[in-house]
Amino acid sequence: MKVWVKTELVRLMVIEFFSGLSAFLLYFAWLLILETEFSLIVFYPLAFCGFVLLQGAAYWKICLLRLERKATKDNSTRKIYQTLRYINLFLGILYIPIMFIFKEDGKDLVIGVAFYIFSILEYINYYFVRLSYPPRIFFNRIRKLNFAKSQIAKE
């Protein structure tokens, strides 16, 4: 069982880390290849999502270290992630005035709002309730409004 858990934690850590980094890389590649202008409306929610994903990668790394060292949960991790939870809330809310201050054309606004919605869902998935289920189970849970607490929320 321990080997399976370790493998799963490594998988989660790597996926979250590369997802967080690839968001930035793909945006800048998009700018260069399509010769598009930088858009804060698109970049901000993408950066926010990358920030949340990198927090997830760090959390899975902490869990992996706990498993390897047979350590128990400590207060410092809980305090760090409680603080990050509020920072993320602030950053998520901050996007709303940014949308109105930096007006963009329709395409950038649609892309930015789509990234923003995904970022908020990632934030909820990490800090409140688990949203990552296979589709059939996910829709059953939506129907019953029965979601398990996220791993970070259990800290």
N, C-alpha and C. Protein backbone atom coordinates (compact mmCIF):
# COMPACT_ATOMS: atom_id res chain seq x y z
N MET A 1 0.83 -1.20 0.00
CA MET A 1 0.00 0.00 0.00
C MET A 1 0.87 1.25 0.00
N LYS A 2 1.92 1.26 0.80
CA LYS A 2 2.78 2.44 0.89
C LYS A 2 3.41 2.78 -0.46
N VAL A 3 3.78 1.78 -1.23
CA VAL A 3 4.38 2.00 -2.55
C VAL A 3 3.35 2.65 -3.47
N TRP A 4 2.11 2.19 -3.44
CA TRP A 4 1.06 2.76 -4.28
C TRP A 4 0.82 4.22 -3.89
N VAL A 5 0.76 4.52 -2.60
CA VAL A 5 0.53 5.89 -2.13
C VAL A 5 1.69 6.78 -2.56
N LYS A 6 2.91 6.29 -2.40
CA LYS A 6 4.08 7.07 -2.81
C LYS A 6 4.05 7.35 -4.31
N THR A 7 3.72 6.35 -5.10
CA THR A 7 3.63 6.51 -6.55
C THR A 7 2.57 7.54 -6.91
N GLU A 8 1.43 7.47 -6.24
CA GLU A 8 0.34 8.42 -6.51
C GLU A 8 0.73 9.85 -6.11
N LEU A 9 1.41 10.01 -4.99
CA LEU A 9 1.85 11.35 -4.56
C LEU A 9 2.87 11.93 -5.54
N VAL A 10 3.78 11.10 -6.01
CA VAL A 10 4.76 11.57 -7.00
C VAL A 10 4.05 11.98 -8.28
N ARG A 11 3.09 11.16 -8.71
CA ARG A 11 2.33 11.46 -9.93
C ARG A 11 1.59 12.79 -9.79
N LEU A 12 0.90 12.98 -8.68
CA LEU A 12 0.17 14.22 -8.44
C LEU A 12 1.10 15.43 -8.41
N MET A 13 2.22 15.28 -7.73
CA MET A 13 3.18 16.37 -7.62
C MET A 13 3.71 16.78 -8.99
N VAL A 14 4.12 15.80 -9.78
CA VAL A 14 4.69 16.08 -11.10
C VAL A 14 3.64 16.69 -12.02
N ILE A 15 2.44 16.14 -12.03
CA ILE A 15 1.38 16.66 -12.90
C ILE A 15 1.05 18.11 -12.53
N GLU A 16 0.89 18.39 -11.26
CA GLU A 16 0.55 19.75 -10.83
C GLU A 16 1.68 20.72 -11.14
N PHE A 17 2.91 20.29 -10.91
CA PHE A 17 4.05 21.16 -11.16
C PHE A 17 4.14 21.53 -12.65
N PHE A 18 4.09 20.51 -13.51
CA PHE A 18 4.22 20.78 -14.94
C PHE A 18 2.98 21.48 -15.51
N SER A 19 1.83 21.24 -14.93
CA SER A 19 0.63 21.98 -15.35
C SER A 19 0.76 23.45 -15.02
N GLY A 20 1.26 23.73 -13.83
CA GLY A 20 1.47 25.12 -13.42
C GLY A 20 2.47 25.84 -14.30
N LEU A 21 3.59 25.18 -14.59
CA LEU A 21 4.61 25.79 -15.44
C LEU A 21 4.18 25.88 -16.90
N SER A 22 3.52 24.85 -17.39
CA SER A 22 3.15 24.86 -18.80
C SER A 22 2.13 25.93 -19.12
N ALA A 23 1.33 26.34 -18.15
CA ALA A 23 0.38 27.42 -18.39
C ALA A 23 1.11 28.68 -18.83
N PHE A 24 2.19 29.01 -18.13
CA PHE A 24 2.99 30.19 -18.50
C PHE A 24 3.68 30.01 -19.84
N LEU A 25 4.30 28.86 -20.01
CA LEU A 25 5.03 28.60 -21.25
C LEU A 25 4.11 28.63 -22.47
N LEU A 26 2.94 28.04 -22.35
CA LEU A 26 2.01 28.04 -23.48
C LEU A 26 1.51 29.44 -23.80
N TYR A 27 1.29 30.25 -22.76
CA TYR A 27 0.83 31.62 -23.02
C TYR A 27 1.89 32.41 -23.78
N PHE A 28 3.13 32.32 -23.34
CA PHE A 28 4.19 33.07 -24.02
C PHE A 28 4.47 32.50 -25.42
N ALA A 29 4.32 31.20 -25.58
CA ALA A 29 4.45 30.61 -26.93
C ALA A 29 3.33 31.13 -27.82
N TRP A 30 2.14 31.23 -27.28
CA TRP A 30 0.99 31.76 -28.01
C TRP A 30 1.25 33.20 -28.45
N LEU A 31 1.83 33.99 -27.55
CA LEU A 31 2.16 35.38 -27.90
C LEU A 31 3.16 35.44 -29.04
N LEU A 32 4.20 34.60 -28.97
CA LEU A 32 5.24 34.63 -29.99
C LEU A 32 4.78 34.05 -31.32
N ILE A 33 4.13 32.92 -31.28
CA ILE A 33 3.75 32.24 -32.52
C ILE A 33 2.65 33.01 -33.26
N LEU A 34 1.65 33.45 -32.54
CA LEU A 34 0.54 34.15 -33.18
C LEU A 34 0.77 35.66 -33.26
N GLU A 35 1.91 36.10 -32.74
CA GLU A 35 2.26 37.52 -32.74
C GLU A 35 1.12 38.36 -32.17
N THR A 36 0.61 37.90 -31.05
CA THR A 36 -0.48 38.58 -30.36
C THR A 36 0.11 39.51 -29.32
N GLU A 37 -0.65 40.53 -28.96
CA GLU A 37 -0.20 41.45 -27.91
C GLU A 37 -0.49 40.84 -26.54
N PHE A 38 0.36 41.20 -25.58
CA PHE A 38 0.16 40.77 -24.20
C PHE A 38 -1.17 41.31 -23.69
N SER A 39 -1.93 40.47 -23.00
CA SER A 39 -3.21 40.87 -22.45
C SER A 39 -3.25 40.50 -20.98
N LEU A 40 -3.37 41.50 -20.12
CA LEU A 40 -3.48 41.25 -18.69
C LEU A 40 -4.76 40.48 -18.37
N ILE A 41 -5.79 40.71 -19.16
CA ILE A 41 -7.07 40.03 -18.96
C ILE A 41 -6.91 38.51 -19.13
N VAL A 42 -6.02 38.09 -19.99
CA VAL A 42 -5.76 36.66 -20.20
C VAL A 42 -4.66 36.18 -19.26
N PHE A 43 -3.60 36.97 -19.12
CA PHE A 43 -2.45 36.53 -18.34
C PHE A 43 -2.75 36.41 -16.84
N TYR A 44 -3.50 37.34 -16.28
CA TYR A 44 -3.74 37.33 -14.83
C TYR A 44 -4.42 36.04 -14.36
N PRO A 45 -5.54 35.62 -14.95
CA PRO A 45 -6.13 34.37 -14.46
C PRO A 45 -5.26 33.14 -14.75
N LEU A 46 -4.49 33.21 -15.82
CA LEU A 46 -3.57 32.12 -16.13
C LEU A 46 -2.47 32.05 -15.07
N ALA A 47 -1.95 33.20 -14.68
CA ALA A 47 -0.93 33.25 -13.62
C ALA A 47 -1.52 32.80 -12.28
N PHE A 48 -2.74 33.21 -12.02
CA PHE A 48 -3.44 32.79 -10.79
C PHE A 48 -3.60 31.27 -10.77
N CYS A 49 -4.01 30.70 -11.88
CA CYS A 49 -4.17 29.25 -11.97
C CYS A 49 -2.82 28.55 -11.78
N GLY A 50 -1.78 29.07 -12.43
CA GLY A 50 -0.45 28.50 -12.27
C GLY A 50 0.02 28.55 -10.83
N PHE A 51 -0.27 29.66 -10.16
CA PHE A 51 0.09 29.83 -8.75
C PHE A 51 -0.61 28.78 -7.88
N VAL A 52 -1.89 28.56 -8.12
CA VAL A 52 -2.64 27.56 -7.35
C VAL A 52 -2.12 26.16 -7.65
N LEU A 53 -1.85 25.87 -8.91
CA LEU A 53 -1.34 24.54 -9.27
C LEU A 53 0.03 24.28 -8.64
N LEU A 54 0.89 25.28 -8.60
CA LEU A 54 2.20 25.11 -7.96
C LEU A 54 2.06 24.90 -6.45
N GLN A 55 1.05 25.52 -5.84
CA GLN A 55 0.78 25.26 -4.43
C GLN A 55 0.38 23.80 -4.22
N GLY A 56 -0.40 23.29 -5.16
CA GLY A 56 -0.79 21.88 -5.09
C GLY A 56 0.41 20.96 -5.21
N ALA A 57 1.31 21.28 -6.13
CA ALA A 57 2.53 20.47 -6.29
C ALA A 57 3.34 20.49 -5.01
N ALA A 58 3.46 21.65 -4.39
CA ALA A 58 4.21 21.76 -3.13
C ALA A 58 3.53 20.95 -2.03
N TYR A 59 2.21 20.98 -2.00
CA TYR A 59 1.49 20.22 -0.98
C TYR A 59 1.72 18.72 -1.14
N TRP A 60 1.65 18.23 -2.38
CA TRP A 60 1.88 16.80 -2.60
C TRP A 60 3.31 16.42 -2.25
N LYS A 61 4.26 17.32 -2.49
CA LYS A 61 5.64 17.07 -2.09
C LYS A 61 5.75 16.97 -0.57
N ILE A 62 5.06 17.84 0.15
CA ILE A 62 5.04 17.79 1.61
C ILE A 62 4.47 16.45 2.08
N CYS A 63 3.37 16.01 1.45
CA CYS A 63 2.77 14.72 1.81
C CYS A 63 3.74 13.57 1.54
N LEU A 64 4.47 13.66 0.44
CA LEU A 64 5.45 12.63 0.10
C LEU A 64 6.56 12.60 1.15
N LEU A 65 7.04 13.76 1.55
CA LEU A 65 8.08 13.81 2.58
C LEU A 65 7.57 13.26 3.91
N ARG A 66 6.34 13.53 4.23
CA ARG A 66 5.73 12.97 5.45
C ARG A 66 5.73 11.46 5.39
N LEU A 67 5.37 10.92 4.24
CA LEU A 67 5.28 9.47 4.08
C LEU A 67 6.67 8.84 4.20
N GLU A 68 7.65 9.45 3.56
CA GLU A 68 9.01 8.91 3.57
C GLU A 68 9.65 8.98 4.95
N ARG A 69 9.34 10.03 5.67
CA ARG A 69 9.94 10.21 7.01
C ARG A 69 9.04 9.71 8.12
N LYS A 70 7.90 9.19 7.74
CA LYS A 70 6.91 8.72 8.71
C LYS A 70 6.55 9.83 9.70
N ALA A 71 6.51 11.05 9.19
CA ALA A 71 6.18 12.20 10.03
C ALA A 71 4.67 12.38 10.07
N THR A 72 4.22 13.07 11.09
CA THR A 72 2.80 13.38 11.21
C THR A 72 2.56 14.81 10.74
N LYS A 73 1.31 15.16 10.64
CA LYS A 73 0.95 16.52 10.24
C LYS A 73 1.46 17.50 11.29
N ASP A 74 1.95 18.63 10.82
CA ASP A 74 2.39 19.65 11.77
C ASP A 74 1.63 20.95 11.51
N ASN A 75 1.69 21.83 12.47
CA ASN A 75 0.95 23.09 12.39
C ASN A 75 1.48 24.03 11.32
N SER A 76 2.76 23.95 11.01
CA SER A 76 3.33 24.91 10.06
C SER A 76 2.71 24.75 8.67
N THR A 77 2.50 23.52 8.23
CA THR A 77 1.87 23.31 6.92
C THR A 77 0.45 23.86 6.93
N ARG A 78 -0.28 23.59 8.00
CA ARG A 78 -1.65 24.09 8.11
C ARG A 78 -1.67 25.60 8.06
N LYS A 79 -0.78 26.25 8.76
CA LYS A 79 -0.74 27.72 8.80
C LYS A 79 -0.37 28.31 7.44
N ILE A 80 0.59 27.69 6.77
CA ILE A 80 1.00 28.16 5.44
C ILE A 80 -0.17 28.08 4.47
N TYR A 81 -0.87 26.95 4.47
CA TYR A 81 -1.97 26.79 3.52
C TYR A 81 -3.21 27.58 3.92
N GLN A 82 -3.38 27.87 5.19
CA GLN A 82 -4.46 28.79 5.59
C GLN A 82 -4.17 30.19 5.05
N THR A 83 -2.92 30.61 5.16
CA THR A 83 -2.52 31.92 4.64
C THR A 83 -2.67 31.96 3.12
N LEU A 84 -2.21 30.91 2.44
CA LEU A 84 -2.34 30.85 0.99
C LEU A 84 -3.81 30.85 0.55
N ARG A 85 -4.66 30.25 1.35
CA ARG A 85 -6.09 30.23 1.05
C ARG A 85 -6.63 31.65 0.97
N TYR A 86 -6.23 32.51 1.91
CA TYR A 86 -6.70 33.91 1.91
C TYR A 86 -6.02 34.73 0.82
N ILE A 87 -4.76 34.46 0.58
CA ILE A 87 -4.07 35.16 -0.52
C ILE A 87 -4.74 34.82 -1.85
N ASN A 88 -5.06 33.55 -2.05
CA ASN A 88 -5.74 33.13 -3.27
C ASN A 88 -7.11 33.77 -3.40
N LEU A 89 -7.83 33.87 -2.29
CA LEU A 89 -9.14 34.52 -2.31
C LEU A 89 -8.99 35.97 -2.76
N PHE A 90 -8.02 36.66 -2.19
CA PHE A 90 -7.76 38.05 -2.57
C PHE A 90 -7.40 38.16 -4.06
N LEU A 91 -6.50 37.28 -4.52
CA LEU A 91 -6.08 37.31 -5.92
C LEU A 91 -7.24 36.98 -6.86
N GLY A 92 -8.10 36.07 -6.44
CA GLY A 92 -9.26 35.72 -7.25
C GLY A 92 -10.24 36.87 -7.36
N ILE A 93 -10.50 37.55 -6.26
CA ILE A 93 -11.42 38.69 -6.28
C ILE A 93 -10.82 39.86 -7.05
N LEU A 94 -9.51 40.03 -6.97
CA LEU A 94 -8.83 41.14 -7.63
C LEU A 94 -9.03 41.14 -9.14
N TYR A 95 -9.28 39.97 -9.71
CA TYR A 95 -9.46 39.89 -11.17
C TYR A 95 -10.70 40.66 -11.63
N ILE A 96 -11.72 40.72 -10.82
CA ILE A 96 -12.96 41.37 -11.22
C ILE A 96 -12.74 42.85 -11.57
N PRO A 97 -12.11 43.65 -10.70
CA PRO A 97 -11.85 45.04 -11.12
C PRO A 97 -10.86 45.14 -12.28
N ILE A 98 -9.91 44.20 -12.35
CA ILE A 98 -8.95 44.21 -13.46
C ILE A 98 -9.68 44.06 -14.79
N MET A 99 -10.72 43.22 -14.83
CA MET A 99 -11.49 43.05 -16.05
C MET A 99 -12.12 44.36 -16.52
N PHE A 100 -12.56 45.17 -15.56
CA PHE A 100 -13.23 46.42 -15.93
C PHE A 100 -12.24 47.55 -16.21
N ILE A 101 -11.10 47.53 -15.55
CA ILE A 101 -10.10 48.59 -15.75
C ILE A 101 -9.37 48.41 -17.07
N PHE A 102 -8.93 47.18 -17.35
CA PHE A 102 -8.19 46.90 -18.58
C PHE A 102 -9.13 46.27 -19.60
N LYS A 103 -9.91 47.09 -20.25
CA LYS A 103 -10.89 46.57 -21.21
C LYS A 103 -10.17 46.01 -22.42
N GLU A 104 -10.61 44.83 -22.83
CA GLU A 104 -10.01 44.14 -23.97
C GLU A 104 -11.10 43.81 -24.98
N ASP A 105 -10.68 43.34 -26.15
CA ASP A 105 -11.67 42.93 -27.14
C ASP A 105 -12.35 41.64 -26.67
N GLY A 106 -13.39 41.26 -27.35
CA GLY A 106 -14.20 40.11 -26.94
C GLY A 106 -13.45 38.81 -26.82
N LYS A 107 -12.52 38.55 -27.75
CA LYS A 107 -11.79 37.28 -27.75
C LYS A 107 -10.95 37.14 -26.48
N ASP A 108 -10.18 38.17 -26.15
CA ASP A 108 -9.34 38.11 -24.95
C ASP A 108 -10.17 38.02 -23.69
N LEU A 109 -11.29 38.70 -23.65
CA LEU A 109 -12.17 38.66 -22.48
C LEU A 109 -12.75 37.26 -22.29
N VAL A 110 -13.18 36.63 -23.37
CA VAL A 110 -13.74 35.27 -23.28
C VAL A 110 -12.67 34.29 -22.81
N ILE A 111 -11.48 34.38 -23.38
CA ILE A 111 -10.38 33.49 -22.98
C ILE A 111 -10.02 33.75 -21.52
N GLY A 112 -9.91 35.02 -21.14
CA GLY A 112 -9.57 35.37 -19.76
C GLY A 112 -10.60 34.87 -18.76
N VAL A 113 -11.87 35.05 -19.07
CA VAL A 113 -12.93 34.59 -18.16
C VAL A 113 -12.94 33.07 -18.08
N ALA A 114 -12.67 32.39 -19.18
CA ALA A 114 -12.59 30.92 -19.16
C ALA A 114 -11.45 30.46 -18.24
N PHE A 115 -10.29 31.09 -18.36
CA PHE A 115 -9.18 30.77 -17.45
C PHE A 115 -9.52 31.11 -16.01
N TYR A 116 -10.23 32.21 -15.82
CA TYR A 116 -10.62 32.63 -14.47
C TYR A 116 -11.55 31.59 -13.83
N ILE A 117 -12.54 31.13 -14.59
CA ILE A 117 -13.47 30.12 -14.06
C ILE A 117 -12.70 28.84 -13.71
N PHE A 118 -11.79 28.42 -14.59
CA PHE A 118 -10.99 27.23 -14.30
C PHE A 118 -10.13 27.45 -13.05
N SER A 119 -9.56 28.64 -12.90
CA SER A 119 -8.73 28.96 -11.74
C SER A 119 -9.54 28.89 -10.45
N ILE A 120 -10.74 29.43 -10.48
CA ILE A 120 -11.61 29.40 -9.29
C ILE A 120 -11.98 27.96 -8.96
N LEU A 121 -12.26 27.15 -9.98
CA LEU A 121 -12.55 25.74 -9.74
C LEU A 121 -11.35 25.01 -9.13
N GLU A 122 -10.15 25.32 -9.60
CA GLU A 122 -8.94 24.72 -9.01
C GLU A 122 -8.78 25.16 -7.56
N TYR A 123 -9.02 26.42 -7.30
CA TYR A 123 -8.94 26.95 -5.93
C TYR A 123 -9.93 26.21 -5.03
N ILE A 124 -11.17 26.06 -5.47
CA ILE A 124 -12.18 25.34 -4.69
C ILE A 124 -11.75 23.88 -4.50
N ASN A 125 -11.22 23.26 -5.57
CA ASN A 125 -10.78 21.87 -5.52
C ASN A 125 -9.66 21.66 -4.49
N TYR A 126 -8.77 22.61 -4.38
CA TYR A 126 -7.66 22.47 -3.42
C TYR A 126 -8.03 22.84 -2.00
N TYR A 127 -8.80 23.89 -1.82
CA TYR A 127 -8.97 24.45 -0.50
C TYR A 127 -10.32 24.19 0.17
N PHE A 128 -11.27 23.64 -0.55
CA PHE A 128 -12.59 23.43 0.05
C PHE A 128 -13.09 22.00 -0.14
N VAL A 129 -13.53 21.69 -1.33
CA VAL A 129 -14.06 20.35 -1.59
C VAL A 129 -13.38 19.74 -2.80
N ARG A 130 -13.28 18.43 -2.78
CA ARG A 130 -12.67 17.71 -3.90
C ARG A 130 -13.64 17.69 -5.07
N LEU A 131 -13.17 18.17 -6.22
CA LEU A 131 -13.99 18.20 -7.43
C LEU A 131 -13.49 17.23 -8.49
N SER A 132 -12.36 16.59 -8.24
CA SER A 132 -11.75 15.73 -9.26
C SER A 132 -12.21 14.28 -9.07
N TYR A 133 -13.25 13.94 -9.82
CA TYR A 133 -13.80 12.59 -9.82
C TYR A 133 -14.01 12.17 -11.27
N PRO A 134 -14.14 10.88 -11.53
CA PRO A 134 -14.56 10.46 -12.88
C PRO A 134 -15.94 11.06 -13.18
N PRO A 135 -16.24 11.33 -14.44
CA PRO A 135 -17.48 12.05 -14.78
C PRO A 135 -18.76 11.49 -14.17
N ARG A 136 -18.97 10.19 -14.22
CA ARG A 136 -20.21 9.62 -13.67
C ARG A 136 -20.33 9.90 -12.18
N ILE A 137 -19.26 9.69 -11.44
CA ILE A 137 -19.28 9.94 -10.00
C ILE A 137 -19.45 11.44 -9.73
N PHE A 138 -18.76 12.27 -10.52
CA PHE A 138 -18.86 13.72 -10.35
C PHE A 138 -20.31 14.19 -10.49
N PHE A 139 -21.00 13.74 -11.54
CA PHE A 139 -22.38 14.18 -11.75
C PHE A 139 -23.32 13.62 -10.69
N ASN A 140 -23.04 12.42 -10.18
CA ASN A 140 -23.82 11.90 -9.04
C ASN A 140 -23.63 12.78 -7.81
N ARG A 141 -22.39 13.19 -7.58
CA ARG A 141 -22.11 14.05 -6.42
C ARG A 141 -22.75 15.43 -6.57
N ILE A 142 -22.77 15.94 -7.79
CA ILE A 142 -23.45 17.23 -8.03
C ILE A 142 -24.94 17.08 -7.73
N ARG A 143 -25.52 16.01 -8.23
CA ARG A 143 -26.95 15.78 -8.03
C ARG A 143 -27.30 15.72 -6.55
N LYS A 144 -26.44 15.08 -5.76
CA LYS A 144 -26.69 14.91 -4.33
C LYS A 144 -26.05 16.02 -3.48
N LEU A 145 -25.27 16.89 -4.14
CA LEU A 145 -24.48 17.91 -3.43
C LEU A 145 -23.68 17.28 -2.29
N ASN A 146 -22.95 16.23 -2.65
CA ASN A 146 -22.18 15.47 -1.67
C ASN A 146 -20.73 15.40 -2.12
N PHE A 147 -19.94 16.37 -1.70
CA PHE A 147 -18.53 16.39 -2.06
C PHE A 147 -17.69 16.21 -0.80
N ALA A 148 -16.62 15.42 -0.92
CA ALA A 148 -15.70 15.23 0.19
C ALA A 148 -14.82 16.46 0.35
N LYS A 149 -14.35 16.69 1.56
CA LYS A 149 -13.41 17.79 1.79
C LYS A 149 -12.12 17.52 1.00
N SER A 150 -11.51 18.59 0.54
CA SER A 150 -10.23 18.42 -0.15
C SER A 150 -9.16 18.05 0.87
N GLN A 151 -8.06 17.53 0.38
CA GLN A 151 -6.97 17.09 1.25
C GLN A 151 -6.42 18.26 2.06
N ILE A 152 -6.25 19.41 1.43
CA ILE A 152 -5.73 20.59 2.14
C ILE A 152 -6.72 21.06 3.18
N ALA A 153 -8.01 20.99 2.87
CA ALA A 153 -9.05 21.40 3.84
C ALA A 153 -9.03 20.51 5.07
N LYS A 154 -8.58 19.26 4.91
CA LYS A 154 -8.50 18.34 6.05
C LYS A 154 -7.34 18.67 6.97
N GLU A 155 -6.38 19.45 6.48
CA GLU A 155 -5.23 19.82 7.31
C GLU A 155 -5.74 20.54 8.51
